[in-house]
Protein backbone atom coordinates (compact mmCIF):
# COMPACT_ATOMS: atom_id res chain seq x y z
CA MET A 1 0.00 0.00 0.00
CA SER A 2 1.34 3.44 -0.89
CA ARG A 3 2.01 6.09 1.69
CA PHE A 4 -0.98 8.18 0.48
CA GLY A 5 -3.26 5.16 0.55
CA SER A 6 -2.29 4.54 4.13
CA ILE A 7 -3.05 8.15 5.13
CA ALA A 8 -6.44 8.02 3.38
CA ALA A 9 -7.30 4.83 5.22
CA GLN A 10 -6.52 6.53 8.51
CA ILE A 11 -8.55 9.68 7.67
CA LYS A 12 -11.75 7.90 6.58
CA PRO A 13 -12.86 6.97 10.12
CA ILE A 14 -12.19 10.55 11.26
CA ILE A 15 -14.28 11.98 8.40
CA PHE A 16 -17.04 9.51 9.25
CA VAL A 17 -17.04 10.54 12.91
CA VAL A 18 -17.00 14.26 12.02
CA GLY A 19 -19.91 13.71 9.65
CA ILE A 20 -21.90 11.90 12.33
CA CYS A 21 -21.18 14.70 14.80
CA PHE A 22 -22.29 17.33 12.28
CA LEU A 23 -25.48 15.42 11.59
CA LEU A 24 -26.17 15.13 15.33
CA LEU A 25 -25.59 18.86 15.68
CA LEU A 26 -28.14 19.59 12.95
CA ILE A 27 -30.63 17.25 14.64
CA LEU A 28 -30.01 18.97 17.97
CA LEU A 29 -30.55 22.42 16.44
CA TRP A 30 -33.78 21.24 14.78
CA TRP A 31 -34.96 19.69 18.04
CA SER A 32 -34.18 22.79 20.07
CA GLU A 33 -36.00 25.01 17.58
CA SER A 34 -39.03 22.74 17.43
CA ARG A 35 -39.17 22.64 21.24
CA PRO A 36 -38.95 26.30 22.39
CA ARG A 37 -37.82 26.98 25.92
CA PRO A 38 -40.59 27.17 28.53
CA TRP A 39 -42.08 30.52 29.44
CA THR A 40 -40.84 31.98 32.73
CA GLN A 41 -43.26 33.10 35.42
CA ALA A 42 -42.42 36.73 34.63
CA GLU A 43 -43.21 36.16 30.95
CA LYS A 44 -46.45 34.38 31.83
CA SER A 45 -47.49 37.38 33.90
CA ILE A 46 -46.99 39.61 30.86
CA LEU A 47 -48.90 37.24 28.58
CA LYS A 48 -51.80 37.22 31.01
CA THR A 49 -52.13 41.01 30.74
CA LEU A 50 -52.53 40.68 26.95
CA ASN A 51 -55.22 37.99 27.09
CA ILE A 52 -58.61 39.28 25.96
CA ALA A 53 -60.15 37.39 28.87
CA ASN A 54 -58.70 40.16 31.03
CA LEU A 55 -60.47 42.93 29.14
CA PRO A 56 -62.26 44.79 31.95
CA VAL A 57 -65.99 45.36 31.97
CA LEU A 58 -66.72 48.44 29.90
CA LYS A 59 -67.26 51.42 32.18
CA PRO A 60 -70.35 53.60 31.72
CA ASP A 61 -69.94 56.72 29.63
CA PRO A 62 -71.16 59.53 31.92
CA SER A 63 -71.33 61.90 28.96
CA ASN A 64 -73.94 59.67 27.25
CA ALA A 65 -77.03 58.80 29.28
CA VAL A 66 -78.22 56.20 26.74
CA ALA A 67 -74.83 54.57 26.12
CA ASP A 68 -75.97 51.19 27.45
CA ASN A 69 -79.63 51.33 26.49
CA LEU A 70 -80.58 48.48 24.13
CA HIS A 71 -83.30 50.50 22.38
CA ALA A 72 -80.75 53.25 21.76
CA ALA A 73 -78.32 50.67 20.35
CA LYS A 74 -80.94 49.37 17.90
CA PHE A 75 -81.80 52.92 16.92
CA GLY A 76 -78.09 53.57 16.37
CA GLN A 77 -77.70 50.39 14.37
CA SER A 78 -80.41 51.53 11.96
CA LEU A 79 -78.79 54.94 11.61
CA PHE A 80 -75.36 53.37 11.07
CA PHE A 81 -76.51 51.60 7.91
CA ASP A 82 -78.94 54.28 6.68
CA THR A 83 -77.68 56.04 3.53
CA ARG A 84 -80.37 58.71 3.89
CA LEU A 85 -78.17 60.42 6.47
CA SER A 86 -75.91 61.65 3.66
CA GLY A 87 -76.19 64.60 1.29
CA ASN A 88 -76.63 62.39 -1.78
CA GLY A 89 -78.59 59.59 -0.10
CA LYS A 90 -75.90 57.03 -0.93
CA VAL A 91 -73.40 57.12 1.94
CA ALA A 92 -73.85 55.54 5.38
CA CYS A 93 -71.49 55.15 8.34
CA ALA A 94 -71.12 51.57 7.11
CA THR A 95 -69.78 52.79 3.76
CA CYS A 96 -66.39 53.36 5.41
CA HIS A 97 -66.84 51.17 8.50
CA GLN A 98 -67.66 47.90 6.77
CA PRO A 99 -68.48 44.92 9.02
CA GLN A 100 -66.79 42.45 6.65
CA ARG A 101 -63.55 44.45 6.96
CA ARG A 102 -63.63 44.66 10.75
CA PHE A 103 -65.42 48.01 10.37
CA SER A 104 -62.71 49.61 8.24
CA ASP A 105 -62.68 50.04 4.43
CA GLY A 106 -59.43 48.70 2.94
CA LEU A 107 -58.40 52.10 1.55
CA SER A 108 -55.44 54.37 2.33
CA LYS A 109 -57.91 57.21 2.88
CA ALA A 110 -61.66 56.93 3.23
CA VAL A 111 -63.77 57.67 0.15
CA ALA A 112 -67.39 58.79 0.52
CA LEU A 113 -68.73 62.03 -1.04
CA GLY A 114 -65.08 62.94 -1.37
CA GLN A 115 -61.78 61.69 0.02
CA SER A 116 -61.12 61.96 3.73
CA GLN A 117 -57.88 63.32 5.17
CA ARG A 118 -56.89 60.09 6.90
CA ASN A 119 -57.21 56.32 6.98
CA THR A 120 -60.42 54.78 8.36
CA PRO A 121 -59.58 53.12 11.70
CA SER A 122 -61.59 50.16 12.90
CA ILE A 123 -64.17 51.08 15.53
CA VAL A 124 -64.14 47.59 17.08
CA GLY A 125 -63.31 47.99 20.77
CA SER A 126 -63.04 51.77 20.43
CA ALA A 127 -65.38 52.25 23.39
CA TYR A 128 -62.38 51.57 25.62
CA SER A 129 -60.43 54.53 24.27
CA PRO A 130 -60.84 57.98 25.83
CA TRP A 131 -59.90 59.49 22.47
CA LEU A 132 -61.27 59.03 18.96
CA TYR A 133 -59.73 59.72 15.56
CA TRP A 134 -56.02 59.40 14.86
CA ASP A 135 -55.38 62.83 16.41
CA GLY A 136 -57.81 62.36 19.32
CA ARG A 137 -59.85 65.44 18.41
CA LYS A 138 -62.94 63.78 19.87
CA ASP A 139 -63.24 62.52 23.45
CA SER A 140 -66.27 60.24 23.15
CA GLN A 141 -67.79 57.84 20.67
CA TRP A 142 -70.93 59.94 20.40
CA SER A 143 -69.12 63.16 19.61
CA GLN A 144 -66.97 61.35 17.04
CA ALA A 145 -70.06 59.93 15.33
CA LEU A 146 -71.30 63.46 14.61
CA SER A 147 -68.36 64.68 12.53
CA PRO A 148 -68.80 62.48 9.43
CA LEU A 149 -72.47 63.46 9.18
CA GLU A 150 -71.55 67.09 8.44
CA ASP A 151 -68.16 66.61 6.77
CA PRO A 152 -68.47 67.51 3.04
CA ALA A 153 -65.95 64.79 2.18
CA GLU A 154 -67.89 62.13 4.08
CA GLN A 155 -71.68 62.20 4.46
CA GLY A 156 -72.07 65.89 3.72
CA SER A 157 -75.41 66.41 5.45
CA ASN A 158 -76.62 69.14 7.84
CA ARG A 159 -78.33 69.32 11.21
CA MET A 160 -81.63 70.62 9.96
CA TYR A 161 -82.01 67.92 7.32
CA LEU A 162 -81.10 65.19 9.82
CA ALA A 163 -83.51 66.45 12.48
CA ARG A 164 -86.34 66.56 9.97
CA LEU A 165 -85.46 63.06 8.73
CA ILE A 166 -85.82 61.74 12.29
CA SER A 167 -89.13 63.56 12.73
CA ASN A 168 -90.60 62.16 9.50
CA ASP A 169 -89.54 58.54 10.00
CA SER A 170 -92.10 56.67 12.12
CA PHE A 171 -89.62 54.28 13.76
CA TYR A 172 -86.98 56.94 14.31
CA ALA A 173 -89.46 59.50 15.71
CA LYS A 174 -91.12 56.99 18.05
CA THR A 175 -87.81 55.68 19.38
CA TYR A 176 -86.36 59.17 19.76
CA VAL A 177 -89.35 60.30 21.85
CA GLU A 178 -89.07 57.20 24.05
CA LEU A 179 -85.40 57.92 24.72
CA PHE A 180 -85.17 61.70 24.82
CA GLY A 181 -88.67 63.18 25.03
CA GLU A 182 -90.69 65.17 22.51
CA LEU A 183 -89.11 66.40 19.30
CA PRO A 184 -89.46 70.09 18.42
CA ASP A 185 -91.96 70.88 15.65
CA PHE A 186 -89.70 71.36 12.65
CA ASN A 187 -92.58 72.14 10.27
CA ASP A 188 -92.44 75.88 11.03
CA THR A 189 -90.24 76.95 8.09
CA SER A 190 -89.99 80.49 9.43
CA ARG A 191 -87.94 79.09 12.29
CA PHE A 192 -86.51 75.95 10.71
CA PRO A 193 -85.31 76.25 7.07
CA GLU A 194 -85.06 73.28 4.77
CA ASN A 195 -81.30 72.94 5.31
CA ALA A 196 -79.12 74.55 7.96
CA GLY A 197 -75.90 73.78 9.77
CA PRO A 198 -72.76 75.52 11.06
CA MET A 199 -70.20 73.38 9.23
CA SER A 200 -71.72 72.83 5.81
CA TYR A 201 -72.15 74.65 2.50
CA PRO A 202 -72.33 78.49 2.51
CA LEU A 203 -76.11 78.63 1.95
CA TRP A 204 -76.69 76.12 4.76
CA ASN A 205 -74.35 78.03 7.03
CA GLN A 206 -76.09 81.33 6.32
CA ALA A 207 -79.47 79.73 7.06
CA TRP A 208 -77.99 78.54 10.35
CA LEU A 209 -76.74 82.03 11.22
CA ASN A 210 -80.22 83.43 10.55
CA MET A 211 -81.75 81.13 13.20
CA THR A 212 -82.13 82.23 16.81
CA ALA A 213 -79.64 80.93 19.36
CA ALA A 214 -82.47 79.02 21.09
CA ASP A 215 -83.45 77.21 17.89
CA GLN A 216 -79.81 76.50 17.08
CA TYR A 217 -79.53 74.85 20.50
CA LEU A 218 -82.69 72.75 19.95
CA LEU A 219 -81.32 71.53 16.63
CA SER A 220 -77.87 70.79 18.05
CA GLN A 221 -79.44 68.83 20.91
CA VAL A 222 -81.24 66.54 18.45
CA PHE A 223 -78.00 66.25 16.48
CA ALA A 224 -76.04 65.32 19.64
CA ASN A 225 -78.63 62.68 20.51
CA LEU A 226 -78.12 61.02 17.13
CA GLY A 227 -74.46 60.69 18.02
CA LYS A 228 -75.40 59.16 21.37
CA VAL A 229 -77.53 56.41 19.86
CA LEU A 230 -74.86 55.69 17.25
CA ALA A 231 -72.39 55.32 20.11
CA ALA A 232 -74.77 52.97 21.94
CA TYR A 233 -74.56 50.70 18.89
CA GLU A 234 -70.81 51.04 18.44
CA ARG A 235 -70.18 50.17 22.11
CA LYS A 236 -71.38 46.67 21.31
CA LEU A 237 -68.70 46.07 18.66
CA MET A 238 -66.02 44.11 20.50
CA PRO A 239 -63.18 41.83 19.32
CA GLY A 240 -63.50 38.14 20.07
CA PRO A 241 -60.85 35.73 21.38
CA ALA A 242 -58.15 34.94 18.82
CA ARG A 243 -55.78 31.99 18.46
CA PHE A 244 -53.31 34.04 20.49
CA ASP A 245 -55.72 34.07 23.45
CA GLU A 246 -56.21 30.31 23.19
CA TYR A 247 -52.44 29.90 23.24
CA VAL A 248 -52.07 32.10 26.32
CA ASN A 249 -54.80 30.14 28.09
CA ALA A 250 -52.96 26.91 27.33
CA VAL A 251 -49.64 28.34 28.56
CA LEU A 252 -51.20 29.63 31.78
CA HIS A 253 -53.05 26.37 32.42
CA GLU A 254 -50.66 23.55 31.62
CA ASP A 255 -53.41 20.98 32.19
CA ASP A 256 -55.52 22.61 29.49
CA THR A 257 -57.28 20.23 27.12
CA VAL A 258 -55.49 21.80 24.14
CA PRO A 259 -51.68 21.81 24.53
CA ALA A 260 -49.98 25.09 23.65
CA LYS A 261 -47.74 23.38 21.09
CA GLU A 262 -50.81 22.57 19.00
CA LEU A 263 -51.87 26.24 18.86
CA PHE A 264 -48.62 28.05 18.01
CA ASN A 265 -45.70 26.90 15.91
CA SER A 266 -42.11 27.71 16.84
CA GLN A 267 -41.93 30.78 14.58
CA GLU A 268 -45.08 32.31 16.08
CA ILE A 269 -43.72 31.68 19.57
CA GLU A 270 -40.46 33.42 18.71
CA GLY A 271 -42.45 36.31 17.27
CA LEU A 272 -44.36 36.60 20.54
CA ARG A 273 -41.10 36.54 22.49
CA LEU A 274 -39.81 39.40 20.37
CA PHE A 275 -43.08 41.29 20.83
CA ILE A 276 -42.91 41.26 24.64
CA GLY A 277 -39.13 41.55 24.71
CA GLU A 278 -36.45 42.69 22.29
CA ALA A 279 -38.74 44.50 19.84
CA GLY A 280 -40.15 46.73 22.59
CA CYS A 281 -43.71 46.65 21.23
CA LEU A 282 -45.24 46.72 24.71
CA GLN A 283 -44.22 50.35 25.17
CA CYS A 284 -47.29 51.33 23.15
CA HIS A 285 -49.18 48.12 22.38
CA ASN A 286 -50.13 46.71 25.76
CA GLY A 287 -53.24 45.46 27.55
CA PRO A 288 -55.91 43.11 26.15
CA LEU A 289 -56.56 45.39 23.13
CA LEU A 290 -52.80 45.84 22.58
CA SER A 291 -53.03 49.63 22.72
CA ASN A 292 -52.27 52.14 25.43
CA ASN A 293 -54.73 54.54 23.75
CA GLU A 294 -52.12 57.30 23.87
CA PHE A 295 -50.31 59.31 21.21
CA HIS A 296 -46.87 58.61 19.77
CA ASN A 297 -44.70 59.96 16.97
CA THR A 298 -43.11 57.06 15.05
CA GLY A 299 -41.46 58.99 12.23
CA LEU A 300 -43.86 58.13 9.43
CA LEU A 301 -43.41 59.88 6.11
CA PRO A 302 -46.35 62.09 5.08
CA PHE A 303 -48.81 60.97 2.43
CA PRO A 304 -47.37 61.67 -1.07
CA GLY A 305 -47.79 65.34 -1.97
CA GLU A 306 -48.80 66.41 1.55
CA VAL A 307 -47.03 68.30 4.33
CA PRO A 308 -46.33 66.40 7.58
CA ASP A 309 -49.44 65.84 9.71
CA GLN A 310 -49.39 67.74 13.05
CA GLY A 311 -51.45 64.96 14.61
CA ARG A 312 -52.30 65.25 18.28
CA SER A 313 -51.01 68.80 18.72
CA LYS A 314 -53.64 70.04 16.25
CA GLY A 315 -56.24 67.60 17.54
CA VAL A 316 -55.99 69.09 21.05
CA GLU A 317 -56.84 72.55 19.71
CA ILE A 318 -59.89 71.22 17.88
CA LEU A 319 -61.04 69.24 20.92
CA LYS A 320 -60.85 72.21 23.28
CA ASN A 321 -63.13 74.27 21.02
CA ASP A 322 -65.60 71.48 20.32
CA PRO A 323 -69.10 72.15 21.78
CA PHE A 324 -69.64 68.38 21.86
CA ASN A 325 -66.68 67.60 24.14
CA CYS A 326 -67.07 66.21 27.66
CA LEU A 327 -67.35 69.68 29.21
CA GLY A 328 -69.70 71.00 26.52
CA PRO A 329 -73.41 71.85 26.90
CA PHE A 330 -74.58 68.63 25.19
CA SER A 331 -72.63 66.25 27.43
CA ASP A 332 -74.60 64.33 30.07
CA GLU A 333 -71.59 64.44 32.43
CA MET A 334 -73.19 66.74 34.99
CA SER A 335 -70.39 66.48 37.56
CA HIS A 336 -67.91 67.86 35.00
CA GLN A 337 -65.14 65.50 36.09
CA CYS A 338 -63.79 64.83 32.58
CA GLN A 339 -60.35 63.96 33.96
CA GLU A 340 -58.94 62.62 30.70
CA PHE A 341 -59.85 65.90 29.00
CA THR A 342 -58.57 68.05 31.85
CA TYR A 343 -55.17 66.37 32.20
CA MET A 344 -54.40 65.44 28.58
CA ARG A 345 -50.88 65.98 27.22
CA THR A 346 -50.56 69.08 25.06
CA GLY A 347 -47.94 71.24 23.35
CA SER A 348 -44.88 70.30 21.35
CA VAL A 349 -44.49 66.98 23.17
CA VAL A 350 -47.33 65.56 21.03
CA LEU A 351 -46.38 67.24 17.74
CA GLY A 352 -46.80 64.70 14.94
CA SER A 353 -48.14 62.06 17.33
CA MET A 354 -50.99 59.70 16.42
CA ARG A 355 -53.21 57.49 18.57
CA THR A 356 -51.93 53.96 19.08
CA PRO A 357 -54.33 51.59 17.26
CA SER A 358 -55.30 48.18 18.57
CA LEU A 359 -53.31 45.35 17.00
CA ARG A 360 -56.25 42.96 17.04
CA ASN A 361 -57.57 41.92 13.62
CA LEU A 362 -54.78 43.58 11.66
CA GLY A 363 -55.28 41.12 8.83
CA GLY A 364 -58.62 42.70 7.98
CA THR A 365 -57.69 46.36 8.33
CA ALA A 366 -54.87 47.02 5.80
CA PRO A 367 -53.44 49.41 4.66
CA TYR A 368 -51.84 50.65 7.86
CA MET A 369 -50.93 53.89 9.66
CA HIS A 370 -52.85 57.16 9.85
CA LYS A 371 -52.86 57.78 6.10
CA GLY A 372 -52.51 54.21 4.89
CA GLN A 373 -48.86 54.83 3.98
CA LEU A 374 -47.87 51.19 4.51
CA SER A 375 -49.67 48.47 2.55
CA THR A 376 -48.48 45.34 4.36
CA LEU A 377 -47.45 44.20 7.82
CA ALA A 378 -44.01 43.44 6.40
CA GLN A 379 -43.61 47.12 5.53
CA VAL A 380 -44.75 48.07 9.03
CA MET A 381 -42.12 45.76 10.54
CA GLU A 382 -39.41 47.28 8.33
CA HIS A 383 -40.47 50.81 9.28
CA TYR A 384 -40.15 50.15 13.01
CA ASN A 385 -36.90 48.27 12.50
CA ALA A 386 -35.38 51.32 10.77
CA ALA A 387 -37.04 53.99 12.97
CA PRO A 388 -36.27 56.90 10.60
CA LEU A 389 -35.99 60.50 11.76
CA ALA A 390 -39.32 62.30 11.97
CA LEU A 391 -39.97 65.19 9.56
CA ILE A 392 -42.05 66.87 12.28
CA GLY A 393 -41.64 66.45 16.01
CA HIS A 394 -39.49 63.62 17.40
CA ASN A 395 -39.63 59.90 16.58
CA GLU A 396 -39.99 58.13 19.92
CA ALA A 397 -38.94 54.77 18.46
CA LYS A 398 -35.34 53.62 18.20
CA PRO A 399 -33.85 51.32 15.51
CA LEU A 400 -34.40 47.69 16.50
CA GLY A 401 -31.67 45.99 14.48
CA LEU A 402 -33.76 42.85 13.98
CA SER A 403 -32.96 40.34 11.24
CA LYS A 404 -35.28 39.54 8.32
CA LYS A 405 -36.10 36.27 10.03
CA GLN A 406 -37.06 38.01 13.26
CA LEU A 407 -39.23 40.53 11.42
CA GLY A 408 -40.99 37.64 9.73
CA GLN A 409 -41.53 35.98 13.09
CA LEU A 410 -43.10 39.16 14.47
CA GLU A 411 -45.45 39.32 11.51
CA LEU A 412 -46.45 35.69 11.98
CA PHE A 413 -47.30 36.41 15.60
CA LEU A 414 -49.40 39.47 14.72
CA ASN A 415 -51.47 37.33 12.37
CA THR A 416 -52.52 35.17 15.33
CA LEU A 417 -54.51 38.16 16.66
CA ASP A 418 -57.18 37.90 13.94
CA ALA A 419 -60.59 36.71 15.14
CA PRO A 420 -64.32 37.17 14.52
CA LEU A 421 -66.12 39.83 16.52
CA SER A 422 -67.36 38.89 19.96
CA THR A 423 -71.07 38.90 19.32
CA ALA A 424 -73.81 36.36 18.94
CA ASP A 425 -76.24 39.02 17.73
CA GLU A 426 -76.36 38.99 13.93
CA TRP A 427 -78.23 42.30 13.88
CA LEU A 428 -75.05 44.07 14.94
CA LEU A 429 -73.37 43.31 11.63
CA LYS A 430 -76.05 44.22 9.10
CA PRO A 431 -78.87 46.74 8.55
CA ASP A 432 -82.24 46.02 10.09
CA SER A 433 -84.66 46.20 7.16
CA SER A 434 -87.64 46.15 9.51
CA THR A 435 -86.79 49.60 10.86
CA LEU A 436 -85.21 51.41 7.92
CA GLY A 437 -87.19 53.84 5.85
CA ASN A 438 -90.45 54.03 7.80
CA VAL A 439 -91.29 57.47 6.46
CA THR A 440 -94.62 58.89 7.54
CA GLU A 441 -97.00 60.10 4.84
């Protein structure tokens, strides 16, 4: 045997052993990845706070006396789907807040009579937020519900038309009287013109200015009450338990009938670990609805062709001057506590900040961010990973430095938050044909 043949014969067993060791290492890596490490007690405590089972009972809204009245909710449900509330008779609240899209519309910016300034946020679970709209310019669901009715880009109607519509619809008039007392007689055209409102077209606005202050108040009271019944309906729109919540239940109760490993795969688990840990998502997205309901600047680029959005700093100014805010004359909050309103953050600290949305049901609410700037969750992950400088104000986020794999894991986890709404009442998700359009002769 040659010298080289002898060396080769000696090396073969070594190569074989190294190959076996390498194979065992690969098997060990696969095994360790397929069997994630157990959750610590500290981590379990965090997961418990995110479980929708820990969503507290919804507190009463002291600014809305009919907030939890079932008749008011059914009245509001009819109004929500009624296109007659718009200037052209074709646009309802449900035009932009579509039940099949988790009460959003799938557009970067809402489109009704015109194009809105911002993206349509889902209203599911919004009763838990002290602020409405991306900039928080409304402090109750009922006051928020009023704005689209008069906005020329949305429903483009006016207070006088809406009040007369309620008076002339048999179901609406009867239910209104039961909830709020007698309606004013709007048939006196010397007092109540055909169309009038303070935020509408010039002719409507002039007609409004020609009315007495007392009649303006009567009309605005009816208008405010429409917002209150719409809010009574919207308060019933709540997210249901998702696969994520099932997984948390299984983790917290190890003797659960469904083992956790059957609910989440290893990549979703790693995404969840990143969410509550290294990615820092809990700074804004915490609690059972995964939102702190506060305002943050995350350095988003403005919508193409637009200047940067001032966000909350502008929203605060609008809110303070809104007659329908918590301290206004149409609020039912007689004690005038309104602590959220009184102690809200203001000034440059909130410049460019937007309200933190819930992360539940993200799969049905794309595109994302306050003007729909980002089309996919992958783009959202990349944005937060880079944390670019803000064009206005200060970006509170810091670059994450996560790998492509980790970003993908985060996205996989976020998809586990999708779930049907928490309701057994089918009427919540569609118009009630038995009550719509009962116009008196």
